[in-house]
Amino acid sequence: MISCKKETSDPNQLLIDKMKAVTDSIITNNKVPGIVALVVDHKRGIDWLYTAGYSDIINKTPMDGNFTVRIGSNTDLPPENRAILK
């Protein structure tokens, strides 16, 4: 039987999809212009870099994972967003 369901070989894909959704929701639902998120978990084999939003809102320049940025804190995020980052 042939399935139309896309199979993934990455066991962490569900977690990565959740992290993307949380990151995108932060941009959509808060006054955050842009995010560069890096998650590294050697035990799980995760080395994930994701950007969302803009580095320059006026010129609509997207965030870039190669930018040098200050490290931010997740303590101001709503609890439902912090939970996935733990």
PDB file of N, CA and C in Angstrom:
ATOM      1  N   MET A   1       0.833  -1.163   0.000  1.00  0.00           N
ATOM      2  CA  MET A   1       0.000   0.000   0.000  1.00  0.00           C
ATOM      3  C   MET A   1       0.886   1.237   0.000  1.00  0.00           C
ATOM      4  N   ILE A   2       0.553   2.218  -0.801  1.00  0.00           N
ATOM      5  CA  ILE A   2       1.300   3.465  -0.887  1.00  0.00           C
ATOM      6  C   ILE A   2       0.563   4.534  -0.083  1.00  0.00           C
ATOM      7  N   SER A   3       1.302   5.240   0.723  1.00  0.00           N
ATOM      8  CA  SER A   3       0.710   6.288   1.544  1.00  0.00           C
ATOM      9  C   SER A   3       1.110   7.658   1.014  1.00  0.00           C
ATOM     10  N   CYS A   4       0.206   8.599   1.103  1.00  0.00           N
ATOM     11  CA  CYS A   4       0.487   9.976   0.709  1.00  0.00           C
ATOM     12  C   CYS A   4       1.135  10.757   1.849  1.00  0.00           C
ATOM     13  N   LYS A   5       1.182  10.149   3.017  1.00  0.00           N
ATOM     14  CA  LYS A   5       1.750  10.808   4.177  1.00  0.00           C
ATOM     15  C   LYS A   5       3.260  10.902   4.013  1.00  0.00           C
ATOM     16  N   LYS A   6       3.788  12.110   4.223  1.00  0.00           N
ATOM     17  CA  LYS A   6       5.220  12.325   4.107  1.00  0.00           C
ATOM     18  C   LYS A   6       5.919  11.752   5.333  1.00  0.00           C
ATOM     19  N   GLU A   7       6.827  10.852   5.104  1.00  0.00           N
ATOM     20  CA  GLU A   7       7.583  10.240   6.193  1.00  0.00           C
ATOM     21  C   GLU A   7       8.819  11.096   6.461  1.00  0.00           C
ATOM     22  N   THR A   8       9.189  11.204   7.714  1.00  0.00           N
ATOM     23  CA  THR A   8      10.378  11.946   8.084  1.00  0.00           C
ATOM     24  C   THR A   8      11.380  11.001   8.727  1.00  0.00           C
ATOM     25  N   SER A   9      12.656  11.190   8.399  1.00  0.00           N
ATOM     26  CA  SER A   9      13.682  10.345   8.987  1.00  0.00           C
ATOM     27  C   SER A   9      14.268  10.992  10.239  1.00  0.00           C
ATOM     28  N   ASP A  10      13.868  12.227  10.548  1.00  0.00           N
ATOM     29  CA  ASP A  10      14.378  12.931  11.716  1.00  0.00           C
ATOM     30  C   ASP A  10      13.453  12.703  12.903  1.00  0.00           C
ATOM     31  N   PRO A  11      13.910  11.992  13.929  1.00  0.00           N
ATOM     32  CA  PRO A  11      13.052  11.714  15.076  1.00  0.00           C
ATOM     33  C   PRO A  11      12.715  12.977  15.872  1.00  0.00           C
ATOM     34  N   ASN A  12      13.444  14.050  15.648  1.00  0.00           N
ATOM     35  CA  ASN A  12      13.203  15.303  16.366  1.00  0.00           C
ATOM     36  C   ASN A  12      12.285  16.261  15.611  1.00  0.00           C
ATOM     37  N   GLN A  13      11.770  15.843  14.461  1.00  0.00           N
ATOM     38  CA  GLN A  13      10.997  16.760  13.625  1.00  0.00           C
ATOM     39  C   GLN A  13       9.763  17.311  14.340  1.00  0.00           C
ATOM     40  N   LEU A  14       9.083  16.506  15.127  1.00  0.00           N
ATOM     41  CA  LEU A  14       7.910  16.989  15.858  1.00  0.00           C
ATOM     42  C   LEU A  14       8.305  18.096  16.834  1.00  0.00           C
ATOM     43  N   LEU A  15       9.399  17.896  17.552  1.00  0.00           N
ATOM     44  CA  LEU A  15       9.889  18.912  18.481  1.00  0.00           C
ATOM     45  C   LEU A  15      10.303  20.177  17.724  1.00  0.00           C
ATOM     46  N   ILE A  16      10.977  20.022  16.618  1.00  0.00           N
ATOM     47  CA  ILE A  16      11.390  21.171  15.805  1.00  0.00           C
ATOM     48  C   ILE A  16      10.174  21.927  15.280  1.00  0.00           C
ATOM     49  N   ASP A  17       9.162  21.212  14.830  1.00  0.00           N
ATOM     50  CA  ASP A  17       7.935  21.860  14.358  1.00  0.00           C
ATOM     51  C   ASP A  17       7.264  22.653  15.477  1.00  0.00           C
ATOM     52  N   LYS A  18       7.280  22.112  16.691  1.00  0.00           N
ATOM     53  CA  LYS A  18       6.705  22.831  17.832  1.00  0.00           C
ATOM     54  C   LYS A  18       7.507  24.090  18.138  1.00  0.00           C
ATOM     55  N   MET A  19       8.836  23.987  18.082  1.00  0.00           N
ATOM     56  CA  MET A  19       9.674  25.153  18.346  1.00  0.00           C
ATOM     57  C   MET A  19       9.446  26.236  17.290  1.00  0.00           C
ATOM     58  N   LYS A  20       9.297  25.838  16.039  1.00  0.00           N
ATOM     59  CA  LYS A  20       8.998  26.806  14.980  1.00  0.00           C
ATOM     60  C   LYS A  20       7.655  27.490  15.233  1.00  0.00           C
ATOM     61  N   ALA A  21       6.659  26.714  15.612  1.00  0.00           N
ATOM     62  CA  ALA A  21       5.325  27.275  15.864  1.00  0.00           C
ATOM     63  C   ALA A  21       5.359  28.276  17.015  1.00  0.00           C
ATOM     64  N   VAL A  22       6.082  27.950  18.079  1.00  0.00           N
ATOM     65  CA  VAL A  22       6.192  28.865  19.219  1.00  0.00           C
ATOM     66  C   VAL A  22       6.921  30.137  18.797  1.00  0.00           C
ATOM     67  N   THR A  23       8.018  29.979  18.083  1.00  0.00           N
ATOM     68  CA  THR A  23       8.784  31.144  17.632  1.00  0.00           C
ATOM     69  C   THR A  23       7.935  32.037  16.742  1.00  0.00           C
ATOM     70  N   ASP A  24       7.216  31.443  15.799  1.00  0.00           N
ATOM     71  CA  ASP A  24       6.353  32.222  14.914  1.00  0.00           C
ATOM     72  C   ASP A  24       5.228  32.902  15.690  1.00  0.00           C
ATOM     73  N   SER A  25       4.690  32.221  16.710  1.00  0.00           N
ATOM     74  CA  SER A  25       3.602  32.823  17.488  1.00  0.00           C
ATOM     75  C   SER A  25       4.099  34.002  18.318  1.00  0.00           C
ATOM     76  N   ILE A  26       5.348  33.971  18.749  1.00  0.00           N
ATOM     77  CA  ILE A  26       5.915  35.104  19.484  1.00  0.00           C
ATOM     78  C   ILE A  26       5.949  36.332  18.581  1.00  0.00           C
ATOM     79  N   ILE A  27       6.357  36.154  17.351  1.00  0.00           N
ATOM     80  CA  ILE A  27       6.392  37.267  16.391  1.00  0.00           C
ATOM     81  C   ILE A  27       4.976  37.768  16.109  1.00  0.00           C
ATOM     82  N   THR A  28       4.060  36.856  15.911  1.00  0.00           N
ATOM     83  CA  THR A  28       2.688  37.212  15.539  1.00  0.00           C
ATOM     84  C   THR A  28       1.920  37.863  16.684  1.00  0.00           C
ATOM     85  N   ASN A  29       2.102  37.391  17.900  1.00  0.00           N
ATOM     86  CA  ASN A  29       1.247  37.799  19.020  1.00  0.00           C
ATOM     87  C   ASN A  29       1.880  38.781  20.000  1.00  0.00           C
ATOM     88  N   ASN A  30       3.110  39.182  19.776  1.00  0.00           N
ATOM     89  CA  ASN A  30       3.794  40.091  20.697  1.00  0.00           C
ATOM     90  C   ASN A  30       4.467  41.202  19.901  1.00  0.00           C
ATOM     91  N   LYS A  31       4.962  42.184  20.585  1.00  0.00           N
ATOM     92  CA  LYS A  31       5.651  43.291  19.924  1.00  0.00           C
ATOM     93  C   LYS A  31       7.139  42.972  19.804  1.00  0.00           C
ATOM     94  N   VAL A  32       7.431  41.859  19.157  1.00  0.00           N
ATOM     95  CA  VAL A  32       8.801  41.433  18.927  1.00  0.00           C
ATOM     96  C   VAL A  32       9.045  41.517  17.424  1.00  0.00           C
ATOM     97  N   PRO A  33       9.977  42.359  16.988  1.00  0.00           N
ATOM     98  CA  PRO A  33      10.186  42.512  15.543  1.00  0.00           C
ATOM     99  C   PRO A  33      10.853  41.305  14.897  1.00  0.00           C
ATOM    100  N   GLY A  34      11.763  40.638  15.613  1.00  0.00           N
ATOM    101  CA  GLY A  34      12.457  39.510  15.023  1.00  0.00           C
ATOM    102  C   GLY A  34      13.127  38.643  16.069  1.00  0.00           C
ATOM    103  N   ILE A  35      13.383  37.400  15.687  1.00  0.00           N
ATOM    104  CA  ILE A  35      13.992  36.426  16.587  1.00  0.00           C
ATOM    105  C   ILE A  35      15.012  35.598  15.813  1.00  0.00           C
ATOM    106  N   VAL A  36      16.126  35.349  16.462  1.00  0.00           N
ATOM    107  CA  VAL A  36      17.065  34.324  16.016  1.00  0.00           C
ATOM    108  C   VAL A  36      17.101  33.316  17.157  1.00  0.00           C
ATOM    109  N   ALA A  37      16.684  32.091  16.878  1.00  0.00           N
ATOM    110  CA  ALA A  37      16.643  31.049  17.904  1.00  0.00           C
ATOM    111  C   ALA A  37      17.648  29.955  17.553  1.00  0.00           C
ATOM    112  N   LEU A  38      18.437  29.583  18.540  1.00  0.00           N
ATOM    113  CA  LEU A  38      19.394  28.495  18.368  1.00  0.00           C
ATOM    114  C   LEU A  38      19.180  27.509  19.500  1.00  0.00           C
ATOM    115  N   VAL A  39      18.953  26.263  19.135  1.00  0.00           N
ATOM    116  CA  VAL A  39      18.785  25.197  20.120  1.00  0.00           C
ATOM    117  C   VAL A  39      19.783  24.099  19.787  1.00  0.00           C
ATOM    118  N   VAL A  40      20.617  23.770  20.754  1.00  0.00           N
ATOM    119  CA  VAL A  40      21.579  22.685  20.582  1.00  0.00           C
ATOM    120  C   VAL A  40      21.394  21.727  21.749  1.00  0.00           C
ATOM    121  N   ASP A  41      21.111  20.483  21.434  1.00  0.00           N
ATOM    122  CA  ASP A  41      20.970  19.433  22.446  1.00  0.00           C
ATOM    123  C   ASP A  41      21.695  18.213  21.892  1.00  0.00           C
ATOM    124  N   HIS A  42      22.920  18.044  22.313  1.00  0.00           N
ATOM    125  CA  HIS A  42      23.736  16.954  21.781  1.00  0.00           C
ATOM    126  C   HIS A  42      23.168  15.578  22.114  1.00  0.00           C
ATOM    127  N   LYS A  43      22.517  15.454  23.267  1.00  0.00           N
ATOM    128  CA  LYS A  43      21.945  14.153  23.642  1.00  0.00           C
ATOM    129  C   LYS A  43      20.833  13.733  22.689  1.00  0.00           C
ATOM    130  N   ARG A  44      20.056  14.696  22.213  1.00  0.00           N
ATOM    131  CA  ARG A  44      18.954  14.391  21.288  1.00  0.00           C
ATOM    132  C   ARG A  44      19.362  14.551  19.821  1.00  0.00           C
ATOM    133  N   GLY A  45      20.547  15.031  19.580  1.00  0.00           N
ATOM    134  CA  GLY A  45      21.002  15.234  18.212  1.00  0.00           C
ATOM    135  C   GLY A  45      20.355  16.446  17.548  1.00  0.00           C
ATOM    136  N   ILE A  46      20.057  17.470  18.354  1.00  0.00           N
ATOM    137  CA  ILE A  46      19.423  18.673  17.816  1.00  0.00           C
ATOM    138  C   ILE A  46      20.460  19.778  17.702  1.00  0.00           C
ATOM    139  N   ASP A  47      20.549  20.345  16.531  1.00  0.00           N
ATOM    140  CA  ASP A  47      21.363  21.521  16.260  1.00  0.00           C
ATOM    141  C   ASP A  47      20.507  22.367  15.325  1.00  0.00           C
ATOM    142  N   TRP A  48      19.686  23.244  15.903  1.00  0.00           N
ATOM    143  CA  TRP A  48      18.616  23.916  15.173  1.00  0.00           C
ATOM    144  C   TRP A  48      18.769  25.422  15.242  1.00  0.00           C
ATOM    145  N   LEU A  49      18.772  26.070  14.099  1.00  0.00           N
ATOM    146  CA  LEU A  49      18.815  27.524  13.999  1.00  0.00           C
ATOM    147  C   LEU A  49      17.595  27.958  13.208  1.00  0.00           C
ATOM    148  N   TYR A  50      16.865  28.932  13.753  1.00  0.00           N
ATOM    149  CA  TYR A  50      15.635  29.392  13.102  1.00  0.00           C
ATOM    150  C   TYR A  50      15.525  30.895  13.257  1.00  0.00           C
ATOM    151  N   THR A  51      15.122  31.570  12.206  1.00  0.00           N
ATOM    152  CA  THR A  51      14.898  33.011  12.256  1.00  0.00           C
ATOM    153  C   THR A  51      13.458  33.307  11.870  1.00  0.00           C
ATOM    154  N   ALA A  52      12.924  34.371  12.464  1.00  0.00           N
ATOM    155  CA  ALA A  52      11.564  34.802  12.151  1.00  0.00           C
ATOM    156  C   ALA A  52      11.497  36.310  12.336  1.00  0.00           C
ATOM    157  N   GLY A  53      10.649  36.947  11.579  1.00  0.00           N
ATOM    158  CA  GLY A  53      10.462  38.386  11.716  1.00  0.00           C
ATOM    159  C   GLY A  53      11.521  39.185  10.980  1.00  0.00           C
ATOM    160  N   TYR A  54      11.640  40.440  11.400  1.00  0.00           N
ATOM    161  CA  TYR A  54      12.510  41.384  10.699  1.00  0.00           C
ATOM    162  C   TYR A  54      13.601  41.933  11.599  1.00  0.00           C
ATOM    163  N   SER A  55      14.767  42.176  10.994  1.00  0.00           N
ATOM    164  CA  SER A  55      15.829  42.903  11.698  1.00  0.00           C
ATOM    165  C   SER A  55      15.643  44.396  11.494  1.00  0.00           C
ATOM    166  N   ASP A  56      14.980  44.771  10.409  1.00  0.00           N
ATOM    167  CA  ASP A  56      14.674  46.173  10.100  1.00  0.00           C
ATOM    168  C   ASP A  56      13.232  46.211   9.607  1.00  0.00           C
ATOM    169  N   ILE A  57      12.347  46.695  10.467  1.00  0.00           N
ATOM    170  CA  ILE A  57      10.915  46.687  10.136  1.00  0.00           C
ATOM    171  C   ILE A  57      10.606  47.613   8.973  1.00  0.00           C
ATOM    172  N   ILE A  58      11.188  48.816   8.978  1.00  0.00           N
ATOM    173  CA  ILE A  58      10.881  49.814   7.941  1.00  0.00           C
ATOM    174  C   ILE A  58      11.229  49.282   6.556  1.00  0.00           C
ATOM    175  N   ASN A  59      12.408  48.684   6.426  1.00  0.00           N
ATOM    176  CA  ASN A  59      12.845  48.166   5.122  1.00  0.00           C
ATOM    177  C   ASN A  59      12.467  46.709   4.903  1.00  0.00           C
ATOM    178  N   LYS A  60      11.783  46.106   5.905  1.00  0.00           N
ATOM    179  CA  LYS A  60      11.351  44.711   5.838  1.00  0.00           C
ATOM    180  C   LYS A  60      12.522  43.761   5.538  1.00  0.00           C
ATOM    181  N   THR A  61      13.625  44.010   6.234  1.00  0.00           N
ATOM    182  CA  THR A  61      14.793  43.143   6.106  1.00  0.00           C
ATOM    183  C   THR A  61      14.615  41.966   7.056  1.00  0.00           C
ATOM    184  N   PRO A  62      14.580  40.751   6.534  1.00  0.00           N
ATOM    185  CA  PRO A  62      14.365  39.592   7.408  1.00  0.00           C
ATOM    186  C   PRO A  62      15.538  39.359   8.355  1.00  0.00           C
ATOM    187  N   MET A  63      15.237  38.727   9.479  1.00  0.00           N
ATOM    188  CA  MET A  63      16.290  38.317  10.399  1.00  0.00           C
ATOM    189  C   MET A  63      17.203  37.333   9.671  1.00  0.00           C
ATOM    190  N   ASP A  64      18.443  37.283  10.108  1.00  0.00           N
ATOM    191  CA  ASP A  64      19.436  36.418   9.481  1.00  0.00           C
ATOM    192  C   ASP A  64      20.185  35.685  10.591  1.00  0.00           C
ATOM    193  N   GLY A  65      20.324  34.405  10.461  1.00  0.00           N
ATOM    194  CA  GLY A  65      21.011  33.600  11.462  1.00  0.00           C
ATOM    195  C   GLY A  65      22.485  33.918  11.595  1.00  0.00           C
ATOM    196  N   ASN A  66      23.030  34.663  10.655  1.00  0.00           N
ATOM    197  CA  ASN A  66      24.438  35.040  10.720  1.00  0.00           C
ATOM    198  C   ASN A  66      24.656  36.375  11.429  1.00  0.00           C
ATOM    199  N   PHE A  67      23.580  37.065  11.808  1.00  0.00           N
ATOM    200  CA  PHE A  67      23.709  38.332  12.515  1.00  0.00           C
ATOM    201  C   PHE A  67      24.311  38.113  13.900  1.00  0.00           C
ATOM    202  N   THR A  68      25.014  39.119  14.380  1.00  0.00           N
ATOM    203  CA  THR A  68      25.467  39.141  15.758  1.00  0.00           C
ATOM    204  C   THR A  68      24.409  39.896  16.546  1.00  0.00           C
ATOM    205  N   VAL A  69      23.850  39.245  17.549  1.00  0.00           N
ATOM    206  CA  VAL A  69      22.778  39.856  18.343  1.00  0.00           C
ATOM    207  C   VAL A  69      23.064  39.652  19.823  1.00  0.00           C
ATOM    208  N   ARG A  70      22.419  40.469  20.648  1.00  0.00           N
ATOM    209  CA  ARG A  70      22.511  40.278  22.088  1.00  0.00           C
ATOM    210  C   ARG A  70      21.712  39.040  22.472  1.00  0.00           C
ATOM    211  N   ILE A  71      22.151  38.392  23.508  1.00  0.00           N
ATOM    212  CA  ILE A  71      21.421  37.237  23.999  1.00  0.00           C
ATOM    213  C   ILE A  71      20.244  37.738  24.814  1.00  0.00           C
ATOM    214  N   GLY A  72      19.053  37.234  24.519  1.00  0.00           N
ATOM    215  CA  GLY A  72      17.848  37.639  25.231  1.00  0.00           C
ATOM    216  C   GLY A  72      17.438  36.589  26.245  1.00  0.00           C
ATOM    217  N   SER A  73      16.449  36.937  27.008  1.00  0.00           N
ATOM    218  CA  SER A  73      15.936  36.043  28.037  1.00  0.00           C
ATOM    219  C   SER A  73      14.546  35.570  27.658  1.00  0.00           C
ATOM    220  N   ASN A  74      14.207  34.350  28.035  1.00  0.00           N
ATOM    221  CA  ASN A  74      12.855  33.855  27.792  1.00  0.00           C
ATOM    222  C   ASN A  74      11.960  34.033  29.007  1.00  0.00           C
ATOM    223  N   THR A  75      12.428  34.751  30.013  1.00  0.00           N
ATOM    224  CA  THR A  75      11.642  34.877  31.245  1.00  0.00           C
ATOM    225  C   THR A  75      10.419  35.763  31.081  1.00  0.00           C
ATOM    226  N   ASP A  76      10.385  36.600  30.049  1.00  0.00           N
ATOM    227  CA  ASP A  76       9.230  37.467  29.834  1.00  0.00           C
ATOM    228  C   ASP A  76       8.187  36.838  28.923  1.00  0.00           C
ATOM    229  N   LEU A  77       8.447  35.637  28.461  1.00  0.00           N
ATOM    230  CA  LEU A  77       7.484  34.956  27.596  1.00  0.00           C
ATOM    231  C   LEU A  77       6.334  34.412  28.434  1.00  0.00           C
ATOM    232  N   PRO A  78       5.148  34.296  27.812  1.00  0.00           N
ATOM    233  CA  PRO A  78       4.048  33.652  28.523  1.00  0.00           C
ATOM    234  C   PRO A  78       4.424  32.212  28.884  1.00  0.00           C
ATOM    235  N   PRO A  79       3.889  31.683  29.990  1.00  0.00           N
ATOM    236  CA  PRO A  79       4.250  30.330  30.442  1.00  0.00           C
ATOM    237  C   PRO A  79       4.083  29.258  29.377  1.00  0.00           C
ATOM    238  N   GLU A  80       3.061  29.373  28.532  1.00  0.00           N
ATOM    239  CA  GLU A  80       2.864  28.329  27.519  1.00  0.00           C
ATOM    240  C   GLU A  80       3.981  28.324  26.494  1.00  0.00           C
ATOM    241  N   ASN A  81       4.640  29.447  26.267  1.00  0.00           N
ATOM    242  CA  ASN A  81       5.764  29.502  25.343  1.00  0.00           C
ATOM    243  C   ASN A  81       7.059  29.069  26.007  1.00  0.00           C
ATOM    244  N   ARG A  82       7.212  29.361  27.305  1.00  0.00           N
ATOM    245  CA  ARG A  82       8.426  28.957  28.017  1.00  0.00           C
ATOM    246  C   ARG A  82       8.506  27.443  28.144  1.00  0.00           C
ATOM    247  N   ALA A  83       7.364  26.791  28.302  1.00  0.00           N
ATOM    248  CA  ALA A  83       7.352  25.354  28.551  1.00  0.00           C
ATOM    249  C   ALA A  83       8.031  24.580  27.441  1.00  0.00           C
ATOM    250  N   ILE A  84       7.829  24.978  26.202  1.00  0.00           N
ATOM    251  CA  ILE A  84       8.432  24.214  25.093  1.00  0.00           C
ATOM    252  C   ILE A  84       9.921  24.471  25.012  1.00  0.00           C
ATOM    253  N   LEU A  85      10.391  25.572  25.574  1.00  0.00           N
ATOM    254  CA  LEU A  85      11.806  25.896  25.484  1.00  0.00           C
ATOM    255  C   LEU A  85      12.638  25.199  26.554  1.00  0.00           C
ATOM    256  N   LYS A  86      11.987  24.539  27.507  1.00  0.00           N
ATOM    257  CA  LYS A  86      12.720  23.865  28.583  1.00  0.00           C
ATOM    258  C   LYS A  86      13.244  22.529  28.136  1.00  0.00           C
TER     259      LYS A  86
END
